[in-house]
Amino acid sequence: MARYWIVVGGPEIFGKTRELGFTKHGFKSTRRGMAAKVAPGDRMAFYVTGRKQFAGAVEITSGMVEEQTRVWQSDKKPNELYPFRVGIKPLTILEEADWLDAEPYHDRFTWTQKWPRANWTLAYQGNLHEVPEADFELLEADLRKAAAAAKA
């Protein structure tokens, strides 16, 4: 059964994944346990820190592998290698100007309700979050709408 994820990272991390053609993505070294649960057929959305926006969604195409080569470079954590990696393929990827503001989703998602509205960004602390299917489907539908509107 598929699982649904939100990965949190800076614009430079998302940018590198875009540069790689959305063929693979890496998770922080502190996320071994969670990354090991990510499996082919799962879906994952990108939350971009600093911008506080959603940039797109992908499908996971491979199980997690550990690699120590530097691919991603974080401005905030220059020594982080993002060693836990999965294959991905793009589902819906927005251009930067079309990214979706995340704040309104606090009230629409069920998984964010444990944080007070005033502190909605606490939901996005940490690199990887498993989320309910219904929340992911809601976000993915909005991503598709935004992509269609951008083409119109």
Protein backbone atom coordinates (compact mmCIF):
# COMPACT_ATOMS: atom_id res chain seq x y z
CA MET A 1 0.00 0.00 0.00
CA ALA A 2 1.36 3.38 -0.99
CA ARG A 3 2.52 5.89 1.58
CA TYR A 4 2.47 9.65 1.23
CA TRP A 5 5.28 12.00 2.21
CA ILE A 6 6.26 15.64 2.41
CA VAL A 7 9.97 16.32 2.13
CA VAL A 8 11.24 19.60 3.56
CA GLY A 9 14.30 21.35 2.15
CA GLY A 10 15.76 24.62 1.05
CA PRO A 11 15.48 26.02 -2.46
CA GLU A 12 19.02 24.85 -3.24
CA ILE A 13 18.09 21.24 -2.46
CA PHE A 14 14.93 21.37 -4.57
CA GLY A 15 16.91 23.11 -7.31
CA LYS A 16 19.46 20.30 -7.42
CA THR A 17 16.71 17.68 -7.62
CA ARG A 18 15.21 19.68 -10.51
CA GLU A 19 18.64 19.85 -12.16
CA LEU A 20 18.81 16.04 -11.91
CA GLY A 21 15.56 15.87 -13.89
CA PHE A 22 13.59 14.64 -10.87
CA THR A 23 15.25 11.23 -11.18
CA LYS A 24 16.48 10.99 -7.58
CA HIS A 25 16.26 12.74 -4.24
CA GLY A 26 18.27 12.47 -1.03
CA PHE A 27 17.26 12.66 2.62
CA LYS A 28 19.31 13.92 5.54
CA SER A 29 21.59 11.62 7.51
CA THR A 30 19.25 11.95 10.51
CA ARG A 31 16.38 10.35 8.56
CA ARG A 32 17.66 6.79 7.99
CA GLY A 33 14.66 5.14 9.68
CA MET A 34 12.03 7.17 7.87
CA ALA A 35 13.83 7.04 4.51
CA ALA A 36 13.97 3.24 4.80
CA LYS A 37 10.15 3.21 4.83
CA VAL A 38 9.91 5.06 1.51
CA ALA A 39 9.08 2.53 -1.22
CA PRO A 40 8.31 2.38 -4.94
CA GLY A 41 4.78 3.61 -5.61
CA ASP A 42 4.81 6.08 -2.71
CA ARG A 43 4.20 9.72 -3.54
CA MET A 44 6.08 12.71 -2.16
CA ALA A 45 5.54 16.48 -2.25
CA PHE A 46 8.24 19.13 -1.89
CA TYR A 47 7.93 21.86 0.76
CA VAL A 48 10.52 24.58 0.17
CA THR A 49 11.81 26.28 3.32
CA GLY A 50 12.34 30.02 3.30
CA ARG A 51 9.65 30.28 0.64
CA LYS A 52 7.13 28.32 2.77
CA GLN A 53 5.65 26.89 -0.41
CA PHE A 54 4.89 23.61 -2.13
CA ALA A 55 6.74 23.14 -5.42
CA GLY A 56 5.53 19.83 -6.78
CA ALA A 57 4.97 16.12 -6.35
CA VAL A 58 6.80 13.00 -7.49
CA GLU A 59 6.36 9.23 -7.38
CA ILE A 60 9.01 7.10 -5.72
CA THR A 61 10.53 4.61 -8.18
CA SER A 62 13.09 2.77 -6.03
CA GLY A 63 13.79 1.76 -2.48
CA MET A 64 16.28 3.71 -0.39
CA VAL A 65 20.02 3.29 -0.98
CA GLU A 66 22.84 4.85 1.01
CA GLU A 67 25.54 6.75 -0.88
CA GLN A 68 28.26 9.02 0.43
CA THR A 69 28.93 11.05 -2.72
CA ARG A 70 28.05 14.74 -2.56
CA VAL A 71 25.10 15.56 -4.78
CA TRP A 72 23.03 18.05 -2.76
CA GLN A 73 24.58 21.03 -0.97
CA SER A 74 22.73 22.85 1.79
CA ASP A 75 23.60 26.44 2.60
CA LYS A 76 22.60 25.86 6.23
CA LYS A 77 24.32 22.47 6.68
CA PRO A 78 27.34 22.37 4.34
CA ASN A 79 28.57 19.01 5.68
CA GLU A 80 25.26 17.20 5.13
CA LEU A 81 25.49 14.60 2.34
CA TYR A 82 21.80 13.64 2.07
CA PRO A 83 23.02 10.03 1.92
CA PHE A 84 19.67 8.20 1.91
CA ARG A 85 18.46 8.33 -1.67
CA VAL A 86 15.51 7.16 -3.68
CA GLY A 87 14.65 7.16 -7.34
CA ILE A 88 11.77 9.44 -8.31
CA LYS A 89 9.76 10.49 -11.34
CA PRO A 90 7.87 13.77 -11.65
CA LEU A 91 4.10 13.86 -11.35
CA THR A 92 3.40 17.60 -11.15
CA ILE A 93 6.22 20.14 -10.87
CA LEU A 94 5.45 23.85 -10.78
CA GLU A 95 7.59 26.69 -12.02
CA GLU A 96 8.82 28.80 -9.13
CA ALA A 97 6.39 31.64 -9.81
CA ASP A 98 3.50 29.18 -9.45
CA TRP A 99 4.49 27.47 -6.18
CA LEU A 100 1.65 27.16 -3.68
CA ASP A 101 1.75 29.01 -0.36
CA ALA A 102 1.70 26.43 2.42
CA GLU A 103 0.08 28.48 5.17
CA PRO A 104 -3.55 28.01 3.99
CA TYR A 105 -3.05 24.24 4.08
CA HIS A 106 -2.71 24.32 7.85
CA ASP A 107 -6.48 24.61 8.07
CA ARG A 108 -7.12 22.08 5.29
CA PHE A 109 -4.75 19.26 6.33
CA THR A 110 -5.54 16.91 9.18
CA TRP A 111 -1.89 16.13 10.01
CA THR A 112 -1.07 19.77 10.84
CA GLN A 113 -3.82 20.20 13.43
CA LYS A 114 -1.63 19.25 16.39
CA TRP A 115 0.22 22.57 15.98
CA PRO A 116 -1.43 25.89 16.87
CA ARG A 117 -2.47 28.02 13.88
CA ALA A 118 -0.08 30.79 14.98
CA ASN A 119 2.83 28.33 14.77
CA TRP A 120 1.83 26.48 11.59
CA THR A 121 5.44 26.25 10.35
CA LEU A 122 6.26 23.83 13.19
CA ALA A 123 4.59 21.14 11.08
CA TYR A 124 7.50 21.45 8.64
CA GLN A 125 10.34 21.02 11.12
CA GLY A 126 12.42 18.04 10.09
CA ASN A 127 13.29 16.67 6.68
CA LEU A 128 10.62 14.05 6.02
CA HIS A 129 7.01 13.61 7.13
CA GLU A 130 4.53 10.85 6.42
CA VAL A 131 1.10 12.36 5.84
CA PRO A 132 -2.42 10.94 5.41
CA GLU A 133 -3.49 9.99 1.90
CA ALA A 134 -6.42 12.45 1.98
CA ASP A 135 -4.10 15.38 2.81
CA PHE A 136 -1.70 14.41 0.04
CA GLU A 137 -4.54 13.98 -2.48
CA LEU A 138 -5.84 17.46 -1.60
CA LEU A 139 -2.39 18.99 -2.17
CA GLU A 140 -1.76 17.02 -5.34
CA ALA A 141 -5.09 18.14 -6.82
CA ASP A 142 -4.18 21.77 -6.10
CA LEU A 143 -0.73 21.29 -7.66
CA ARG A 144 -2.38 19.93 -10.84
CA LYS A 145 -4.81 22.88 -10.91
CA ALA A 146 -1.95 25.35 -10.54
CA ALA A 147 0.00 23.63 -13.33
CA ALA A 148 -3.03 23.74 -15.63
CA ALA A 149 -3.67 27.40 -14.83
CA ALA A 150 -0.04 28.26 -15.59
CA LYS A 151 -0.34 26.65 -19.04
CA ALA A 152 -3.62 28.46 -19.85
